[in-house]
Amino acid sequence: KFFSSDLPESDCKRSCFIITTRNKDVTSAIT
């Protein structure tokens, strides 16, 4: 939902997102 097609990758290149999770499935599914 957060990174829908409304947010092209080039528009957020200057930003950084850090995600913490305890679930390996989440980390493997997120590019």
PDB file of all heavy atoms in Angstrom:
ATOM      1  N   LYS A   1       0.832  -1.204   0.000  1.00  0.00           N
ATOM      2  CA  LYS A   1       0.000   0.000   0.000  1.00  0.00           C
ATOM      3  C   LYS A   1       0.867   1.255   0.000  1.00  0.00           C
ATOM      4  O   LYS A   1       0.583   2.220  -0.693  1.00  0.00           O
ATOM      5  CB  LYS A   1      -0.926   0.019   1.217  1.00  0.00           C
ATOM      6  CG  LYS A   1      -2.091  -0.926   1.093  1.00  0.00           C
ATOM      7  CD  LYS A   1      -2.947  -0.876   2.343  1.00  0.00           C
ATOM      8  CE  LYS A   1      -4.078  -1.880   2.285  1.00  0.00           C
ATOM      9  NZ  LYS A   1      -4.865  -1.877   3.513  1.00  0.00           N
ATOM     10  N   PHE A   2       1.908   1.227   0.799  1.00  0.00           N
ATOM     11  CA  PHE A   2       2.756   2.406   0.908  1.00  0.00           C
ATOM     12  C   PHE A   2       3.500   2.676  -0.393  1.00  0.00           C
ATOM     13  O   PHE A   2       3.608   3.794  -0.851  1.00  0.00           O
ATOM     14  CB  PHE A   2       3.736   2.260   2.070  1.00  0.00           C
ATOM     15  CG  PHE A   2       4.475   3.522   2.374  1.00  0.00           C
ATOM     16  CD1 PHE A   2       3.869   4.538   3.082  1.00  0.00           C
ATOM     17  CD2 PHE A   2       5.771   3.702   1.924  1.00  0.00           C
ATOM     18  CE1 PHE A   2       4.538   5.727   3.339  1.00  0.00           C
ATOM     19  CE2 PHE A   2       6.446   4.882   2.174  1.00  0.00           C
ATOM     20  CZ  PHE A   2       5.828   5.895   2.883  1.00  0.00           C
ATOM     21  N   PHE A   3       4.046   1.630  -0.983  1.00  0.00           N
ATOM     22  CA  PHE A   3       4.788   1.780  -2.230  1.00  0.00           C
ATOM     23  C   PHE A   3       3.965   1.274  -3.404  1.00  0.00           C
ATOM     24  O   PHE A   3       4.378   0.396  -4.147  1.00  0.00           O
ATOM     25  CB  PHE A   3       6.120   1.035  -2.149  1.00  0.00           C
ATOM     26  CG  PHE A   3       7.084   1.717  -1.233  1.00  0.00           C
ATOM     27  CD1 PHE A   3       7.249   1.274   0.058  1.00  0.00           C
ATOM     28  CD2 PHE A   3       7.794   2.819  -1.645  1.00  0.00           C
ATOM     29  CE1 PHE A   3       8.118   1.913   0.918  1.00  0.00           C
ATOM     30  CE2 PHE A   3       8.664   3.468  -0.791  1.00  0.00           C
ATOM     31  CZ  PHE A   3       8.822   3.018   0.498  1.00  0.00           C
ATOM     32  N   SER A   4       2.813   1.867  -3.563  1.00  0.00           N
ATOM     33  CA  SER A   4       1.937   1.508  -4.677  1.00  0.00           C
ATOM     34  C   SER A   4       2.498   2.113  -5.956  1.00  0.00           C
ATOM     35  O   SER A   4       3.497   2.807  -5.959  1.00  0.00           O
ATOM     36  CB  SER A   4       0.528   2.039  -4.415  1.00  0.00           C
ATOM     37  OG  SER A   4       0.558   3.454  -4.412  1.00  0.00           O
ATOM     38  N   SER A   5       1.815   1.886  -7.049  1.00  0.00           N
ATOM     39  CA  SER A   5       2.246   2.437  -8.333  1.00  0.00           C
ATOM     40  C   SER A   5       2.199   3.958  -8.341  1.00  0.00           C
ATOM     41  O   SER A   5       2.730   4.596  -9.244  1.00  0.00           O
ATOM     42  CB  SER A   5       1.382   1.878  -9.460  1.00  0.00           C
ATOM     43  OG  SER A   5       0.029   2.194  -9.216  1.00  0.00           O
ATOM     44  N   ASP A   6       1.556   4.572  -7.316  1.00  0.00           N
ATOM     45  CA  ASP A   6       1.511   6.029  -7.217  1.00  0.00           C
ATOM     46  C   ASP A   6       2.871   6.637  -6.876  1.00  0.00           C
ATOM     47  O   ASP A   6       3.074   7.829  -7.013  1.00  0.00           O
ATOM     48  CB  ASP A   6       0.523   6.469  -6.128  1.00  0.00           C
ATOM     49  CG  ASP A   6      -0.910   6.110  -6.467  1.00  0.00           C
ATOM     50  OD1 ASP A   6      -1.211   5.939  -7.663  1.00  0.00           O
ATOM     51  OD2 ASP A   6      -1.713   5.994  -5.527  1.00  0.00           O
ATOM     52  N   LEU A   7       3.780   5.824  -6.396  1.00  0.00           N
ATOM     53  CA  LEU A   7       5.086   6.320  -5.974  1.00  0.00           C
ATOM     54  C   LEU A   7       6.175   5.673  -6.826  1.00  0.00           C
ATOM     55  O   LEU A   7       6.733   4.659  -6.446  1.00  0.00           O
ATOM     56  CB  LEU A   7       5.322   6.013  -4.491  1.00  0.00           C
ATOM     57  CG  LEU A   7       6.610   6.532  -3.885  1.00  0.00           C
ATOM     58  CD1 LEU A   7       6.681   8.051  -3.961  1.00  0.00           C
ATOM     59  CD2 LEU A   7       6.734   6.072  -2.447  1.00  0.00           C
ATOM     60  N   PRO A   8       6.472   6.250  -7.972  1.00  0.00           N
ATOM     61  CA  PRO A   8       7.544   5.691  -8.798  1.00  0.00           C
ATOM     62  C   PRO A   8       8.857   5.676  -8.018  1.00  0.00           C
ATOM     63  O   PRO A   8       9.123   6.571  -7.219  1.00  0.00           O
ATOM     64  CB  PRO A   8       7.631   6.654  -9.983  1.00  0.00           C
ATOM     65  CG  PRO A   8       6.354   7.418  -9.974  1.00  0.00           C
ATOM     66  CD  PRO A   8       5.879   7.434  -8.558  1.00  0.00           C
ATOM     67  N   GLU A   9       9.646   4.654  -8.271  1.00  0.00           N
ATOM     68  CA  GLU A   9      10.900   4.475  -7.535  1.00  0.00           C
ATOM     69  C   GLU A   9      11.792   5.710  -7.633  1.00  0.00           C
ATOM     70  O   GLU A   9      12.453   6.092  -6.676  1.00  0.00           O
ATOM     71  CB  GLU A   9      11.639   3.254  -8.079  1.00  0.00           C
ATOM     72  CG  GLU A   9      12.816   2.840  -7.244  1.00  0.00           C
ATOM     73  CD  GLU A   9      13.441   1.559  -7.744  1.00  0.00           C
ATOM     74  OE1 GLU A   9      12.724   0.667  -8.193  1.00  0.00           O
ATOM     75  OE2 GLU A   9      14.682   1.482  -7.667  1.00  0.00           O
ATOM     76  N   SER A  10      11.803   6.359  -8.779  1.00  0.00           N
ATOM     77  CA  SER A  10      12.659   7.526  -8.964  1.00  0.00           C
ATOM     78  C   SER A  10      12.270   8.686  -8.042  1.00  0.00           C
ATOM     79  O   SER A  10      13.110   9.505  -7.695  1.00  0.00           O
ATOM     80  CB  SER A  10      12.614   7.991 -10.418  1.00  0.00           C
ATOM     81  OG  SER A  10      11.290   8.354 -10.764  1.00  0.00           O
ATOM     82  N   ASP A  11      11.016   8.749  -7.628  1.00  0.00           N
ATOM     83  CA  ASP A  11      10.569   9.840  -6.763  1.00  0.00           C
ATOM     84  C   ASP A  11      11.060   9.716  -5.325  1.00  0.00           C
ATOM     85  O   ASP A  11      11.068  10.690  -4.591  1.00  0.00           O
ATOM     86  CB  ASP A  11       9.038   9.936  -6.753  1.00  0.00           C
ATOM     87  CG  ASP A  11       8.499  10.508  -8.052  1.00  0.00           C
ATOM     88  OD1 ASP A  11       9.273  11.175  -8.773  1.00  0.00           O
ATOM     89  OD2 ASP A  11       7.312  10.274  -8.339  1.00  0.00           O
ATOM     90  N   CYS A  12      11.411   8.520  -4.904  1.00  0.00           N
ATOM     91  CA  CYS A  12      11.852   8.364  -3.512  1.00  0.00           C
ATOM     92  C   CYS A  12      13.320   7.958  -3.415  1.00  0.00           C
ATOM     93  O   CYS A  12      13.773   7.548  -2.363  1.00  0.00           O
ATOM     94  CB  CYS A  12      10.950   7.382  -2.777  1.00  0.00           C
ATOM     95  SG  CYS A  12      11.002   5.711  -3.400  1.00  0.00           S
ATOM     96  N   LYS A  13      14.076   8.106  -4.473  1.00  0.00           N
ATOM     97  CA  LYS A  13      15.499   7.744  -4.467  1.00  0.00           C
ATOM     98  C   LYS A  13      16.290   8.526  -3.425  1.00  0.00           C
ATOM     99  O   LYS A  13      17.269   8.037  -2.902  1.00  0.00           O
ATOM    100  CB  LYS A  13      16.133   7.968  -5.847  1.00  0.00           C
ATOM    101  CG  LYS A  13      15.882   6.864  -6.825  1.00  0.00           C
ATOM    102  CD  LYS A  13      16.705   5.665  -6.462  1.00  0.00           C
ATOM    103  CE  LYS A  13      16.629   4.644  -7.567  1.00  0.00           C
ATOM    104  NZ  LYS A  13      16.961   3.331  -7.130  1.00  0.00           N
ATOM    105  N   ARG A  14      15.885   9.750  -3.147  1.00  0.00           N
ATOM    106  CA  ARG A  14      16.622  10.580  -2.194  1.00  0.00           C
ATOM    107  C   ARG A  14      16.289  10.224  -0.752  1.00  0.00           C
ATOM    108  O   ARG A  14      16.931  10.695   0.160  1.00  0.00           O
ATOM    109  CB  ARG A  14      16.335  12.054  -2.440  1.00  0.00           C
ATOM    110  CG  ARG A  14      16.739  12.510  -3.822  1.00  0.00           C
ATOM    111  CD  ARG A  14      16.395  13.945  -4.106  1.00  0.00           C
ATOM    112  NE  ARG A  14      15.257  14.428  -3.338  1.00  0.00           N
ATOM    113  CZ  ARG A  14      15.045  15.697  -3.042  1.00  0.00           C
ATOM    114  NH1 ARG A  14      15.876  16.610  -3.440  1.00  0.00           N
ATOM    115  NH2 ARG A  14      13.985  16.063  -2.349  1.00  0.00           N
ATOM    116  N   SER A  15      15.268   9.420  -0.573  1.00  0.00           N
ATOM    117  CA  SER A  15      14.853   9.037   0.777  1.00  0.00           C
ATOM    118  C   SER A  15      15.360   7.644   1.112  1.00  0.00           C
ATOM    119  O   SER A  15      15.735   6.881   0.237  1.00  0.00           O
ATOM    120  CB  SER A  15      13.329   9.086   0.883  1.00  0.00           C
ATOM    121  OG  SER A  15      12.881  10.425   0.769  1.00  0.00           O
ATOM    122  N   CYS A  16      15.338   7.345   2.399  1.00  0.00           N
ATOM    123  CA  CYS A  16      15.804   6.049   2.875  1.00  0.00           C
ATOM    124  C   CYS A  16      14.744   5.463   3.793  1.00  0.00           C
ATOM    125  O   CYS A  16      14.186   6.166   4.633  1.00  0.00           O
ATOM    126  CB  CYS A  16      17.117   6.218   3.642  1.00  0.00           C
ATOM    127  SG  CYS A  16      17.773   4.684   4.306  1.00  0.00           S
ATOM    128  N   PHE A  17      14.468   4.189   3.601  1.00  0.00           N
ATOM    129  CA  PHE A  17      13.482   3.496   4.409  1.00  0.00           C
ATOM    130  C   PHE A  17      14.170   2.336   5.107  1.00  0.00           C
ATOM    131  O   PHE A  17      14.827   1.520   4.466  1.00  0.00           O
ATOM    132  CB  PHE A  17      12.330   2.968   3.541  1.00  0.00           C
ATOM    133  CG  PHE A  17      11.675   4.050   2.746  1.00  0.00           C
ATOM    134  CD1 PHE A  17      12.112   4.365   1.469  1.00  0.00           C
ATOM    135  CD2 PHE A  17      10.635   4.776   3.283  1.00  0.00           C
ATOM    136  CE1 PHE A  17      11.524   5.380   0.742  1.00  0.00           C
ATOM    137  CE2 PHE A  17      10.032   5.793   2.555  1.00  0.00           C
ATOM    138  CZ  PHE A  17      10.484   6.095   1.284  1.00  0.00           C
ATOM    139  N   ILE A  18      14.017   2.275   6.428  1.00  0.00           N
ATOM    140  CA  ILE A  18      14.556   1.169   7.211  1.00  0.00           C
ATOM    141  C   ILE A  18      13.376   0.435   7.811  1.00  0.00           C
ATOM    142  O   ILE A  18      12.480   1.053   8.387  1.00  0.00           O
ATOM    143  CB  ILE A  18      15.520   1.670   8.308  1.00  0.00           C
ATOM    144  CG1 ILE A  18      16.745   2.336   7.654  1.00  0.00           C
ATOM    145  CG2 ILE A  18      15.933   0.524   9.230  1.00  0.00           C
ATOM    146  CD1 ILE A  18      17.714   2.953   8.639  1.00  0.00           C
ATOM    147  N   ILE A  19      13.400  -0.867   7.664  1.00  0.00           N
ATOM    148  CA  ILE A  19      12.309  -1.700   8.160  1.00  0.00           C
ATOM    149  C   ILE A  19      12.887  -2.716   9.125  1.00  0.00           C
ATOM    150  O   ILE A  19      13.866  -3.389   8.801  1.00  0.00           O
ATOM    151  CB  ILE A  19      11.619  -2.428   6.992  1.00  0.00           C
ATOM    152  CG1 ILE A  19      10.992  -1.403   6.055  1.00  0.00           C
ATOM    153  CG2 ILE A  19      10.594  -3.423   7.483  1.00  0.00           C
ATOM    154  CD1 ILE A  19      10.628  -1.954   4.718  1.00  0.00           C
ATOM    155  N   THR A  20      12.310  -2.805  10.311  1.00  0.00           N
ATOM    156  CA  THR A  20      12.697  -3.880  11.213  1.00  0.00           C
ATOM    157  C   THR A  20      11.548  -4.874  11.278  1.00  0.00           C
ATOM    158  O   THR A  20      10.381  -4.497  11.278  1.00  0.00           O
ATOM    159  CB  THR A  20      13.031  -3.375  12.638  1.00  0.00           C
ATOM    160  OG1 THR A  20      11.861  -2.864  13.257  1.00  0.00           O
ATOM    161  CG2 THR A  20      14.123  -2.316  12.606  1.00  0.00           C
ATOM    162  N   THR A  21      11.914  -6.135  11.293  1.00  0.00           N
ATOM    163  CA  THR A  21      10.919  -7.203  11.367  1.00  0.00           C
ATOM    164  C   THR A  21      11.568  -8.426  11.984  1.00  0.00           C
ATOM    165  O   THR A  21      12.777  -8.616  11.907  1.00  0.00           O
ATOM    166  CB  THR A  21      10.330  -7.544   9.976  1.00  0.00           C
ATOM    167  OG1 THR A  21       9.318  -8.537  10.128  1.00  0.00           O
ATOM    168  CG2 THR A  21      11.400  -8.032   9.018  1.00  0.00           C
ATOM    169  N   ARG A  22      10.754  -9.258  12.567  1.00  0.00           N
ATOM    170  CA  ARG A  22      11.238 -10.525  13.110  1.00  0.00           C
ATOM    171  C   ARG A  22      10.891 -11.676  12.181  1.00  0.00           C
ATOM    172  O   ARG A  22      11.131 -12.818  12.489  1.00  0.00           O
ATOM    173  CB  ARG A  22      10.651 -10.747  14.502  1.00  0.00           C
ATOM    174  CG  ARG A  22       9.140 -10.767  14.505  1.00  0.00           C
ATOM    175  CD  ARG A  22       8.565 -10.752  15.896  1.00  0.00           C
ATOM    176  NE  ARG A  22       8.640  -9.405  16.436  1.00  0.00           N
ATOM    177  CZ  ARG A  22       8.560  -9.109  17.712  1.00  0.00           C
ATOM    178  NH1 ARG A  22       8.373 -10.042  18.594  1.00  0.00           N
ATOM    179  NH2 ARG A  22       8.654  -7.871  18.126  1.00  0.00           N
ATOM    180  N   ASN A  23      10.293 -11.363  11.031  1.00  0.00           N
ATOM    181  CA  ASN A  23       9.784 -12.377  10.118  1.00  0.00           C
ATOM    182  C   ASN A  23      10.619 -12.411   8.837  1.00  0.00           C
ATOM    183  O   ASN A  23      10.621 -11.453   8.070  1.00  0.00           O
ATOM    184  CB  ASN A  23       8.318 -12.078   9.803  1.00  0.00           C
ATOM    185  CG  ASN A  23       7.641 -13.172   9.034  1.00  0.00           C
ATOM    186  OD1 ASN A  23       8.204 -13.745   8.126  1.00  0.00           O
ATOM    187  ND2 ASN A  23       6.402 -13.453   9.405  1.00  0.00           N
ATOM    188  N   LYS A  24      11.308 -13.516   8.588  1.00  0.00           N
ATOM    189  CA  LYS A  24      12.156 -13.643   7.398  1.00  0.00           C
ATOM    190  C   LYS A  24      11.343 -13.573   6.113  1.00  0.00           C
ATOM    191  O   LYS A  24      11.850 -13.157   5.081  1.00  0.00           O
ATOM    192  CB  LYS A  24      12.954 -14.938   7.448  1.00  0.00           C
ATOM    193  CG  LYS A  24      14.063 -14.897   8.462  1.00  0.00           C
ATOM    194  CD  LYS A  24      14.888 -16.165   8.429  1.00  0.00           C
ATOM    195  CE  LYS A  24      15.967 -16.087   9.486  1.00  0.00           C
ATOM    196  NZ  LYS A  24      16.801 -17.284   9.494  1.00  0.00           N
ATOM    197  N   ASP A  25      10.078 -14.001   6.141  1.00  0.00           N
ATOM    198  CA  ASP A  25       9.245 -13.925   4.942  1.00  0.00           C
ATOM    199  C   ASP A  25       9.024 -12.471   4.517  1.00  0.00           C
ATOM    200  O   ASP A  25       8.947 -12.174   3.324  1.00  0.00           O
ATOM    201  CB  ASP A  25       7.892 -14.609   5.173  1.00  0.00           C
ATOM    202  CG  ASP A  25       8.039 -16.113   5.356  1.00  0.00           C
ATOM    203  OD1 ASP A  25       9.015 -16.681   4.820  1.00  0.00           O
ATOM    204  OD2 ASP A  25       7.180 -16.713   6.025  1.00  0.00           O
ATOM    205  N   VAL A  26       8.922 -11.574   5.489  1.00  0.00           N
ATOM    206  CA  VAL A  26       8.752 -10.154   5.169  1.00  0.00           C
ATOM    207  C   VAL A  26      10.013  -9.638   4.487  1.00  0.00           C
ATOM    208  O   VAL A  26       9.941  -8.977   3.450  1.00  0.00           O
ATOM    209  CB  VAL A  26       8.425  -9.325   6.429  1.00  0.00           C
ATOM    210  CG1 VAL A  26       8.450  -7.832   6.127  1.00  0.00           C
ATOM    211  CG2 VAL A  26       7.071  -9.728   6.999  1.00  0.00           C
ATOM    212  N   THR A  27      11.172  -9.951   5.035  1.00  0.00           N
ATOM    213  CA  THR A  27      12.417  -9.446   4.445  1.00  0.00           C
ATOM    214  C   THR A  27      12.664 -10.010   3.057  1.00  0.00           C
ATOM    215  O   THR A  27      13.162  -9.307   2.187  1.00  0.00           O
ATOM    216  CB  THR A  27      13.640  -9.747   5.342  1.00  0.00           C
ATOM    217  OG1 THR A  27      13.753 -11.151   5.538  1.00  0.00           O
ATOM    218  CG2 THR A  27      13.543  -9.046   6.666  1.00  0.00           C
ATOM    219  N   SER A  28      12.302 -11.247   2.835  1.00  0.00           N
ATOM    220  CA  SER A  28      12.549 -11.820   1.512  1.00  0.00           C
ATOM    221  C   SER A  28      11.563 -11.294   0.474  1.00  0.00           C
ATOM    222  O   SER A  28      11.883 -11.240  -0.711  1.00  0.00           O
ATOM    223  CB  SER A  28      12.517 -13.346   1.569  1.00  0.00           C
ATOM    224  OG  SER A  28      11.232 -13.801   1.923  1.00  0.00           O
ATOM    225  N   ALA A  29      10.380 -10.894   0.881  1.00  0.00           N
ATOM    226  CA  ALA A  29       9.374 -10.415  -0.062  1.00  0.00           C
ATOM    227  C   ALA A  29       9.550  -8.939  -0.411  1.00  0.00           C
ATOM    228  O   ALA A  29       9.054  -8.480  -1.430  1.00  0.00           O
ATOM    229  CB  ALA A  29       7.977 -10.642   0.505  1.00  0.00           C
ATOM    230  N   ILE A  30      10.262  -8.202   0.435  1.00  0.00           N
ATOM    231  CA  ILE A  30      10.472  -6.774   0.200  1.00  0.00           C
ATOM    232  C   ILE A  30      11.748  -6.606  -0.609  1.00  0.00           C
ATOM    233  O   ILE A  30      12.793  -7.113  -0.240  1.00  0.00           O
ATOM    234  CB  ILE A  30      10.585  -6.011   1.537  1.00  0.00           C
ATOM    235  CG1 ILE A  30       9.264  -6.074   2.291  1.00  0.00           C
ATOM    236  CG2 ILE A  30      11.008  -4.565   1.306  1.00  0.00           C
ATOM    237  CD1 ILE A  30       9.335  -5.517   3.688  1.00  0.00           C
ATOM    238  N   THR A  31      11.655  -5.896  -1.698  1.00  0.00           N
ATOM    239  CA  THR A  31      12.839  -5.616  -2.502  1.00  0.00           C
ATOM    240  C   THR A  31      13.657  -4.572  -1.768  1.00  0.00           C
ATOM    241  O   THR A  31      13.231  -3.434  -1.628  1.00  0.00           O
ATOM    242  CB  THR A  31      12.432  -5.096  -3.889  1.00  0.00           C
ATOM    243  OG1 THR A  31      11.528  -6.027  -4.471  1.00  0.00           O
ATOM    244  CG2 THR A  31      13.635  -4.915  -4.782  1.00  0.00           C
TER     245      THR A  31
END
